Amino acid sequence: MVSIDLSNPAVQSYILYSGILGLKLLSVTVLTTRVRMAKKVFANEEDAKKTKGKVKYDDPDVERVRRAHLNDLENIPAFWVLGALYLTTSPAAAWATLLFRVYTVGRVLHTIVYAVKPLPQPARGIAFGIPYLITLYMGVKVVMHYISAL
């Protein structure tokens, strides 16, 4: 049976960066609200009436932030699952910390270059691709570790 030691620096690093990513997810929700309020564009009639705005489902600025949020919702939970499973393979603490840190920085940069200050490609592709490859790497390491244990 695998045991996770909370005093392990890799585990502490995972917890720290997972917390940062959770806060990041919440902050994109606030960013969406901020853009909606600034443009007075809402998805619900009651919100539009309250703010003297309008109901609109295709505002490009709101949709850009929503797509960035959806991208987070598609990718960060996979990091949480695969990162936790990766810890069960007893990775070197420095390497695991580097992976978790680079993943987190990449996801934050992805939101910045996609939704906050849009930059031309390949900025968003790089900010998406590196964290994606890290998650893929961790998943492969988990599978390889446990295949060899069978």
N, C-alpha and C. Protein backbone atom coordinates (compact mmCIF):
# COMPACT_ATOMS: atom_id res chain seq x y z
N MET A 1 0.85 -1.19 0.00
CA MET A 1 0.00 0.00 0.00
C MET A 1 0.89 1.25 0.00
N VAL A 2 0.53 2.20 -0.81
CA VAL A 2 1.30 3.43 -0.91
C VAL A 2 0.79 4.41 0.14
N SER A 3 1.74 5.07 0.79
CA SER A 3 1.38 6.05 1.81
C SER A 3 1.94 7.40 1.39
N ILE A 4 1.15 8.43 1.56
CA ILE A 4 1.58 9.79 1.22
C ILE A 4 1.97 10.48 2.52
N ASP A 5 3.22 10.90 2.57
CA ASP A 5 3.77 11.56 3.76
C ASP A 5 3.66 13.07 3.57
N LEU A 6 2.87 13.72 4.41
CA LEU A 6 2.66 15.17 4.27
C LEU A 6 3.92 15.98 4.57
N SER A 7 4.93 15.35 5.15
CA SER A 7 6.19 16.07 5.37
C SER A 7 7.12 15.96 4.15
N ASN A 8 6.74 15.16 3.17
CA ASN A 8 7.51 15.00 1.94
C ASN A 8 7.45 16.31 1.15
N PRO A 9 8.62 16.87 0.78
CA PRO A 9 8.61 18.13 0.02
C PRO A 9 7.83 18.05 -1.29
N ALA A 10 7.81 16.91 -1.94
CA ALA A 10 7.04 16.77 -3.19
C ALA A 10 5.55 16.89 -2.91
N VAL A 11 5.10 16.28 -1.84
CA VAL A 11 3.69 16.36 -1.46
C VAL A 11 3.33 17.79 -1.07
N GLN A 12 4.19 18.42 -0.30
CA GLN A 12 3.95 19.81 0.09
C GLN A 12 3.89 20.72 -1.13
N SER A 13 4.77 20.47 -2.08
CA SER A 13 4.78 21.24 -3.32
C SER A 13 3.48 21.04 -4.10
N TYR A 14 3.05 19.79 -4.20
CA TYR A 14 1.79 19.49 -4.89
C TYR A 14 0.63 20.23 -4.22
N ILE A 15 0.58 20.21 -2.91
CA ILE A 15 -0.49 20.88 -2.17
C ILE A 15 -0.44 22.39 -2.42
N LEU A 16 0.76 22.97 -2.34
CA LEU A 16 0.91 24.40 -2.59
C LEU A 16 0.43 24.79 -3.99
N TYR A 17 0.93 24.10 -5.01
CA TYR A 17 0.58 24.48 -6.37
C TYR A 17 -0.86 24.12 -6.72
N SER A 18 -1.39 23.09 -6.11
CA SER A 18 -2.82 22.78 -6.29
C SER A 18 -3.68 23.89 -5.70
N GLY A 19 -3.27 24.40 -4.54
CA GLY A 19 -4.00 25.52 -3.93
C GLY A 19 -3.95 26.76 -4.81
N ILE A 20 -2.78 27.06 -5.37
CA ILE A 20 -2.65 28.20 -6.27
C ILE A 20 -3.56 28.02 -7.48
N LEU A 21 -3.58 26.82 -8.03
CA LEU A 21 -4.44 26.57 -9.20
C LEU A 21 -5.92 26.68 -8.86
N GLY A 22 -6.29 26.23 -7.66
CA GLY A 22 -7.69 26.40 -7.22
C GLY A 22 -8.06 27.87 -7.13
N LEU A 23 -7.18 28.67 -6.55
CA LEU A 23 -7.42 30.12 -6.47
C LEU A 23 -7.46 30.75 -7.86
N LYS A 24 -6.62 30.26 -8.75
CA LYS A 24 -6.61 30.75 -10.13
C LYS A 24 -7.95 30.48 -10.80
N LEU A 25 -8.48 29.28 -10.62
CA LEU A 25 -9.80 28.96 -11.18
C LEU A 25 -10.85 29.94 -10.67
N LEU A 26 -10.82 30.21 -9.37
CA LEU A 26 -11.79 31.14 -8.79
C LEU A 26 -11.58 32.55 -9.34
N SER A 27 -10.34 32.94 -9.57
CA SER A 27 -10.07 34.29 -10.07
C SER A 27 -10.59 34.48 -11.49
N VAL A 28 -10.59 33.42 -12.29
CA VAL A 28 -11.12 33.57 -13.66
C VAL A 28 -12.63 33.77 -13.62
N THR A 29 -13.28 33.22 -12.62
CA THR A 29 -14.71 33.49 -12.43
C THR A 29 -14.92 34.97 -12.17
N VAL A 30 -14.10 35.55 -11.33
CA VAL A 30 -14.19 36.98 -11.03
C VAL A 30 -13.87 37.80 -12.28
N LEU A 31 -12.88 37.35 -13.05
CA LEU A 31 -12.54 38.05 -14.30
C LEU A 31 -13.72 38.06 -15.26
N THR A 32 -14.41 36.95 -15.38
CA THR A 32 -15.59 36.89 -16.25
C THR A 32 -16.64 37.89 -15.78
N THR A 33 -16.88 37.93 -14.49
CA THR A 33 -17.85 38.88 -13.93
C THR A 33 -17.42 40.31 -14.23
N ARG A 34 -16.16 40.59 -14.05
CA ARG A 34 -15.64 41.94 -14.30
C ARG A 34 -15.85 42.37 -15.75
N VAL A 35 -15.57 41.47 -16.68
CA VAL A 35 -15.76 41.79 -18.10
C VAL A 35 -17.24 41.99 -18.40
N ARG A 36 -18.08 41.12 -17.85
CA ARG A 36 -19.53 41.27 -18.06
C ARG A 36 -20.03 42.61 -17.53
N MET A 37 -19.58 42.97 -16.33
CA MET A 37 -20.03 44.23 -15.73
C MET A 37 -19.52 45.44 -16.52
N ALA A 38 -18.28 45.40 -16.95
CA ALA A 38 -17.71 46.52 -17.69
C ALA A 38 -18.43 46.73 -19.02
N LYS A 39 -18.82 45.65 -19.65
CA LYS A 39 -19.49 45.74 -20.96
C LYS A 39 -21.01 45.73 -20.84
N LYS A 40 -21.51 45.48 -19.62
CA LYS A 40 -22.95 45.38 -19.36
C LYS A 40 -23.60 44.35 -20.29
N VAL A 41 -22.95 43.20 -20.36
CA VAL A 41 -23.40 42.10 -21.21
C VAL A 41 -23.59 40.88 -20.30
N PHE A 42 -24.80 40.34 -20.32
CA PHE A 42 -25.12 39.25 -19.41
C PHE A 42 -25.81 38.10 -20.12
N ALA A 43 -25.80 36.94 -19.50
CA ALA A 43 -26.44 35.76 -20.07
C ALA A 43 -27.87 35.60 -19.55
N ASN A 44 -28.22 36.34 -18.51
CA ASN A 44 -29.54 36.19 -17.90
C ASN A 44 -30.27 37.53 -17.87
N GLU A 45 -31.55 37.48 -18.15
CA GLU A 45 -32.37 38.69 -18.20
C GLU A 45 -32.37 39.45 -16.87
N GLU A 46 -32.46 38.72 -15.76
CA GLU A 46 -32.53 39.39 -14.46
C GLU A 46 -31.24 40.16 -14.14
N ASP A 47 -30.11 39.63 -14.59
CA ASP A 47 -28.84 40.34 -14.39
C ASP A 47 -28.77 41.59 -15.27
N ALA A 48 -29.23 41.46 -16.48
CA ALA A 48 -29.23 42.59 -17.41
C ALA A 48 -30.14 43.71 -16.90
N LYS A 49 -31.33 43.34 -16.41
CA LYS A 49 -32.26 44.35 -15.90
C LYS A 49 -31.68 45.09 -14.70
N LYS A 50 -31.07 44.34 -13.80
CA LYS A 50 -30.53 44.94 -12.59
C LYS A 50 -29.43 45.97 -12.89
N THR A 51 -28.67 45.73 -13.93
CA THR A 51 -27.54 46.61 -14.25
C THR A 51 -27.78 47.51 -15.46
N LYS A 52 -29.02 47.48 -15.97
CA LYS A 52 -29.36 48.22 -17.19
C LYS A 52 -28.47 47.81 -18.36
N GLY A 53 -28.16 46.52 -18.39
CA GLY A 53 -27.34 45.96 -19.47
C GLY A 53 -28.21 45.25 -20.47
N LYS A 54 -27.59 44.38 -21.23
CA LYS A 54 -28.33 43.62 -22.24
C LYS A 54 -27.94 42.15 -22.17
N VAL A 55 -28.86 41.33 -22.64
CA VAL A 55 -28.59 39.90 -22.74
C VAL A 55 -27.91 39.68 -24.08
N LYS A 56 -26.74 39.06 -24.01
CA LYS A 56 -26.00 38.77 -25.23
C LYS A 56 -25.15 37.54 -24.96
N TYR A 57 -25.20 36.59 -25.89
CA TYR A 57 -24.50 35.33 -25.69
C TYR A 57 -23.21 35.22 -26.50
N ASP A 58 -22.91 36.23 -27.28
CA ASP A 58 -21.76 36.10 -28.18
C ASP A 58 -20.81 37.30 -28.14
N ASP A 59 -20.74 37.96 -27.01
CA ASP A 59 -19.79 39.06 -26.91
C ASP A 59 -18.37 38.49 -26.98
N PRO A 60 -17.54 38.99 -27.88
CA PRO A 60 -16.21 38.40 -28.06
C PRO A 60 -15.31 38.48 -26.82
N ASP A 61 -15.40 39.56 -26.06
CA ASP A 61 -14.55 39.69 -24.87
C ASP A 61 -14.99 38.74 -23.76
N VAL A 62 -16.29 38.66 -23.56
CA VAL A 62 -16.81 37.74 -22.54
C VAL A 62 -16.52 36.30 -22.94
N GLU A 63 -16.73 35.99 -24.20
CA GLU A 63 -16.50 34.62 -24.66
C GLU A 63 -15.04 34.22 -24.58
N ARG A 64 -14.14 35.16 -24.78
CA ARG A 64 -12.70 34.87 -24.66
C ARG A 64 -12.38 34.45 -23.22
N VAL A 65 -12.89 35.19 -22.25
CA VAL A 65 -12.64 34.85 -20.85
C VAL A 65 -13.31 33.52 -20.51
N ARG A 66 -14.51 33.31 -21.01
CA ARG A 66 -15.21 32.05 -20.74
C ARG A 66 -14.46 30.86 -21.34
N ARG A 67 -13.89 31.04 -22.53
CA ARG A 67 -13.10 29.95 -23.14
C ARG A 67 -11.85 29.66 -22.32
N ALA A 68 -11.21 30.70 -21.80
CA ALA A 68 -10.04 30.50 -20.96
C ALA A 68 -10.43 29.73 -19.70
N HIS A 69 -11.58 30.07 -19.13
CA HIS A 69 -12.07 29.39 -17.93
C HIS A 69 -12.40 27.93 -18.25
N LEU A 70 -13.07 27.70 -19.37
CA LEU A 70 -13.39 26.34 -19.78
C LEU A 70 -12.11 25.53 -19.99
N ASN A 71 -11.10 26.15 -20.57
CA ASN A 71 -9.83 25.47 -20.78
C ASN A 71 -9.22 25.06 -19.43
N ASP A 72 -9.31 25.94 -18.45
CA ASP A 72 -8.86 25.60 -17.09
C ASP A 72 -9.64 24.41 -16.53
N LEU A 73 -10.96 24.47 -16.71
CA LEU A 73 -11.81 23.40 -16.17
C LEU A 73 -11.56 22.06 -16.85
N GLU A 74 -11.05 22.10 -18.07
CA GLU A 74 -10.72 20.87 -18.79
C GLU A 74 -9.34 20.34 -18.41
N ASN A 75 -8.44 21.20 -17.97
CA ASN A 75 -7.06 20.79 -17.78
C ASN A 75 -6.61 20.70 -16.32
N ILE A 76 -7.02 21.61 -15.48
CA ILE A 76 -6.54 21.62 -14.10
C ILE A 76 -7.01 20.40 -13.30
N PRO A 77 -8.26 19.94 -13.43
CA PRO A 77 -8.62 18.72 -12.70
C PRO A 77 -7.78 17.50 -13.10
N ALA A 78 -7.40 17.42 -14.37
CA ALA A 78 -6.52 16.31 -14.79
C ALA A 78 -5.17 16.42 -14.08
N PHE A 79 -4.67 17.64 -13.93
CA PHE A 79 -3.43 17.84 -13.17
C PHE A 79 -3.60 17.38 -11.73
N TRP A 80 -4.71 17.76 -11.12
CA TRP A 80 -4.92 17.36 -9.73
C TRP A 80 -4.91 15.84 -9.58
N VAL A 81 -5.62 15.16 -10.45
CA VAL A 81 -5.69 13.70 -10.36
C VAL A 81 -4.34 13.07 -10.68
N LEU A 82 -3.78 13.42 -11.84
CA LEU A 82 -2.53 12.79 -12.25
C LEU A 82 -1.36 13.21 -11.36
N GLY A 83 -1.37 14.45 -10.87
CA GLY A 83 -0.33 14.88 -9.95
C GLY A 83 -0.37 14.09 -8.65
N ALA A 84 -1.56 13.87 -8.12
CA ALA A 84 -1.69 13.08 -6.89
C ALA A 84 -1.25 11.63 -7.13
N LEU A 85 -1.66 11.07 -8.26
CA LEU A 85 -1.24 9.71 -8.57
C LEU A 85 0.27 9.64 -8.80
N TYR A 86 0.81 10.66 -9.43
CA TYR A 86 2.26 10.73 -9.68
C TYR A 86 3.03 10.67 -8.36
N LEU A 87 2.51 11.31 -7.34
CA LEU A 87 3.18 11.28 -6.03
C LEU A 87 3.30 9.86 -5.48
N THR A 88 2.39 8.98 -5.87
CA THR A 88 2.44 7.60 -5.38
C THR A 88 3.57 6.80 -6.02
N THR A 89 4.22 7.37 -7.05
CA THR A 89 5.34 6.68 -7.70
C THR A 89 6.68 7.04 -7.06
N SER A 90 6.65 7.82 -5.98
CA SER A 90 7.84 8.27 -5.26
C SER A 90 8.83 9.02 -6.15
N PRO A 91 8.37 10.07 -6.82
CA PRO A 91 9.29 10.83 -7.67
C PRO A 91 10.29 11.62 -6.81
N ALA A 92 11.39 12.00 -7.42
CA ALA A 92 12.35 12.86 -6.72
C ALA A 92 11.65 14.18 -6.41
N ALA A 93 11.81 14.65 -5.20
CA ALA A 93 11.10 15.85 -4.75
C ALA A 93 11.43 17.06 -5.61
N ALA A 94 12.69 17.24 -5.96
CA ALA A 94 13.08 18.41 -6.76
C ALA A 94 12.44 18.36 -8.14
N TRP A 95 12.40 17.17 -8.75
CA TRP A 95 11.81 17.02 -10.08
C TRP A 95 10.29 17.24 -10.02
N ALA A 96 9.64 16.63 -9.05
CA ALA A 96 8.19 16.79 -8.91
C ALA A 96 7.85 18.26 -8.66
N THR A 97 8.62 18.92 -7.80
CA THR A 97 8.38 20.33 -7.52
C THR A 97 8.54 21.17 -8.78
N LEU A 98 9.56 20.87 -9.57
CA LEU A 98 9.76 21.59 -10.82
C LEU A 98 8.58 21.40 -11.76
N LEU A 99 8.11 20.17 -11.88
CA LEU A 99 6.95 19.90 -12.74
C LEU A 99 5.72 20.67 -12.27
N PHE A 100 5.44 20.62 -10.97
CA PHE A 100 4.26 21.29 -10.43
C PHE A 100 4.37 22.81 -10.61
N ARG A 101 5.56 23.33 -10.39
CA ARG A 101 5.78 24.78 -10.51
C ARG A 101 5.63 25.25 -11.96
N VAL A 102 6.27 24.54 -12.87
CA VAL A 102 6.20 24.93 -14.29
C VAL A 102 4.77 24.79 -14.79
N TYR A 103 4.07 23.73 -14.37
CA TYR A 103 2.67 23.56 -14.76
C TYR A 103 1.85 24.78 -14.32
N THR A 104 2.01 25.16 -13.07
CA THR A 104 1.23 26.26 -12.50
C THR A 104 1.55 27.57 -13.20
N VAL A 105 2.81 27.86 -13.40
CA VAL A 105 3.19 29.08 -14.11
C VAL A 105 2.61 29.08 -15.52
N GLY A 106 2.69 27.94 -16.18
CA GLY A 106 2.14 27.84 -17.53
C GLY A 106 0.64 28.11 -17.58
N ARG A 107 -0.09 27.57 -16.62
CA ARG A 107 -1.55 27.79 -16.61
C ARG A 107 -1.87 29.25 -16.31
N VAL A 108 -1.12 29.88 -15.42
CA VAL A 108 -1.35 31.30 -15.14
C VAL A 108 -1.04 32.13 -16.39
N LEU A 109 0.09 31.84 -17.02
CA LEU A 109 0.44 32.55 -18.25
C LEU A 109 -0.60 32.33 -19.35
N HIS A 110 -1.14 31.12 -19.42
CA HIS A 110 -2.17 30.84 -20.42
C HIS A 110 -3.36 31.78 -20.26
N THR A 111 -3.81 31.96 -19.03
CA THR A 111 -4.93 32.87 -18.79
C THR A 111 -4.56 34.30 -19.16
N ILE A 112 -3.35 34.70 -18.81
CA ILE A 112 -2.92 36.07 -19.11
C ILE A 112 -2.89 36.31 -20.62
N VAL A 113 -2.24 35.41 -21.35
CA VAL A 113 -2.08 35.65 -22.80
C VAL A 113 -3.35 35.34 -23.59
N TYR A 114 -4.30 34.66 -22.96
CA TYR A 114 -5.56 34.35 -23.64
C TYR A 114 -6.66 35.34 -23.27
N ALA A 115 -6.80 35.64 -22.00
CA ALA A 115 -7.98 36.38 -21.56
C ALA A 115 -7.70 37.76 -20.98
N VAL A 116 -6.52 37.99 -20.46
CA VAL A 116 -6.23 39.27 -19.81
C VAL A 116 -5.58 40.24 -20.79
N LYS A 117 -4.51 39.82 -21.40
CA LYS A 117 -3.78 40.63 -22.38
C LYS A 117 -3.47 39.72 -23.56
N PRO A 118 -4.47 39.50 -24.45
CA PRO A 118 -4.27 38.56 -25.55
C PRO A 118 -3.02 38.89 -26.39
N LEU A 119 -2.22 37.86 -26.59
CA LEU A 119 -1.02 37.97 -27.41
C LEU A 119 -1.16 37.04 -28.61
N PRO A 120 -0.48 37.36 -29.68
CA PRO A 120 -0.55 36.48 -30.85
C PRO A 120 0.11 35.13 -30.57
N GLN A 121 -0.27 34.14 -31.36
CA GLN A 121 0.36 32.83 -31.27
C GLN A 121 1.82 33.00 -31.65
N PRO A 122 2.73 32.25 -31.09
CA PRO A 122 2.52 31.01 -30.37
C PRO A 122 2.43 31.16 -28.85
N ALA A 123 2.25 32.37 -28.33
CA ALA A 123 2.24 32.57 -26.87
C ALA A 123 1.24 31.65 -26.17
N ARG A 124 0.00 31.65 -26.65
CA ARG A 124 -1.01 30.83 -25.99
C ARG A 124 -0.72 29.35 -26.20
N GLY A 125 -0.24 28.98 -27.36
CA GLY A 125 0.09 27.57 -27.63
C GLY A 125 1.18 27.05 -26.71
N ILE A 126 2.19 27.87 -26.48
CA ILE A 126 3.28 27.47 -25.58
C ILE A 126 2.76 27.39 -24.15
N ALA A 127 1.99 28.41 -23.74
CA ALA A 127 1.46 28.44 -22.37
C ALA A 127 0.49 27.28 -22.12
N PHE A 128 -0.16 26.79 -23.17
CA PHE A 128 -1.03 25.62 -23.05
C PHE A 128 -0.21 24.33 -23.14
N GLY A 129 0.69 24.28 -24.12
CA GLY A 129 1.38 23.04 -24.46
C GLY A 129 2.30 22.51 -23.39
N ILE A 130 3.07 23.37 -22.76
CA ILE A 130 4.02 22.90 -21.75
C ILE A 130 3.28 22.27 -20.56
N PRO A 131 2.28 22.93 -19.98
CA PRO A 131 1.54 22.25 -18.91
C PRO A 131 0.86 20.95 -19.38
N TYR A 132 0.36 20.96 -20.60
CA TYR A 132 -0.28 19.75 -21.13
C TYR A 132 0.73 18.60 -21.18
N LEU A 133 1.93 18.88 -21.67
CA LEU A 133 2.96 17.85 -21.75
C LEU A 133 3.36 17.36 -20.36
N ILE A 134 3.38 18.26 -19.39
CA ILE A 134 3.70 17.85 -18.02
C ILE A 134 2.64 16.89 -17.49
N THR A 135 1.38 17.20 -17.72
CA THR A 135 0.30 16.31 -17.27
C THR A 135 0.40 14.96 -17.98
N LEU A 136 0.65 15.00 -19.26
CA LEU A 136 0.82 13.77 -20.03
C LEU A 136 1.99 12.95 -19.48
N TYR A 137 3.10 13.61 -19.22
CA TYR A 137 4.28 12.94 -18.66
C TYR A 137 3.92 12.25 -17.34
N MET A 138 3.25 12.97 -16.44
CA MET A 138 2.90 12.38 -15.15
C MET A 138 1.98 11.18 -15.33
N GLY A 139 1.02 11.29 -16.24
CA GLY A 139 0.12 10.17 -16.50
C GLY A 139 0.86 8.95 -17.02
N VAL A 140 1.78 9.16 -17.94
CA VAL A 140 2.57 8.04 -18.49
C VAL A 140 3.43 7.42 -17.39
N LYS A 141 4.05 8.26 -16.56
CA LYS A 141 4.87 7.74 -15.46
C LYS A 141 4.04 6.89 -14.50
N VAL A 142 2.83 7.32 -14.20
CA VAL A 142 1.95 6.55 -13.31
C VAL A 142 1.63 5.20 -13.94
N VAL A 143 1.22 5.22 -15.20
CA VAL A 143 0.86 3.96 -15.87
C VAL A 143 2.07 3.03 -15.94
N MET A 144 3.21 3.55 -16.33
CA MET A 144 4.43 2.72 -16.44
C MET A 144 4.83 2.15 -15.07
N HIS A 145 4.72 2.96 -14.04
CA HIS A 145 5.08 2.50 -12.70
C HIS A 145 4.19 1.33 -12.26
N TYR A 146 2.90 1.47 -12.49
CA TYR A 146 1.99 0.44 -11.99
C TYR A 146 1.87 -0.74 -12.93
N ILE A 147 2.19 -0.56 -14.20
CA ILE A 147 2.26 -1.73 -15.10
C ILE A 147 3.41 -2.62 -14.65
N SER A 148 4.53 -2.00 -14.32
CA SER A 148 5.69 -2.79 -13.91
C SER A 148 5.47 -3.44 -12.54
N ALA A 149 4.53 -2.92 -11.77
CA ALA A 149 4.25 -3.49 -10.44
C ALA A 149 3.31 -4.71 -10.54
N LEU A 150 2.68 -4.90 -11.68
CA LEU A 150 1.73 -6.01 -11.81
C LEU A 150 2.43 -7.36 -11.94
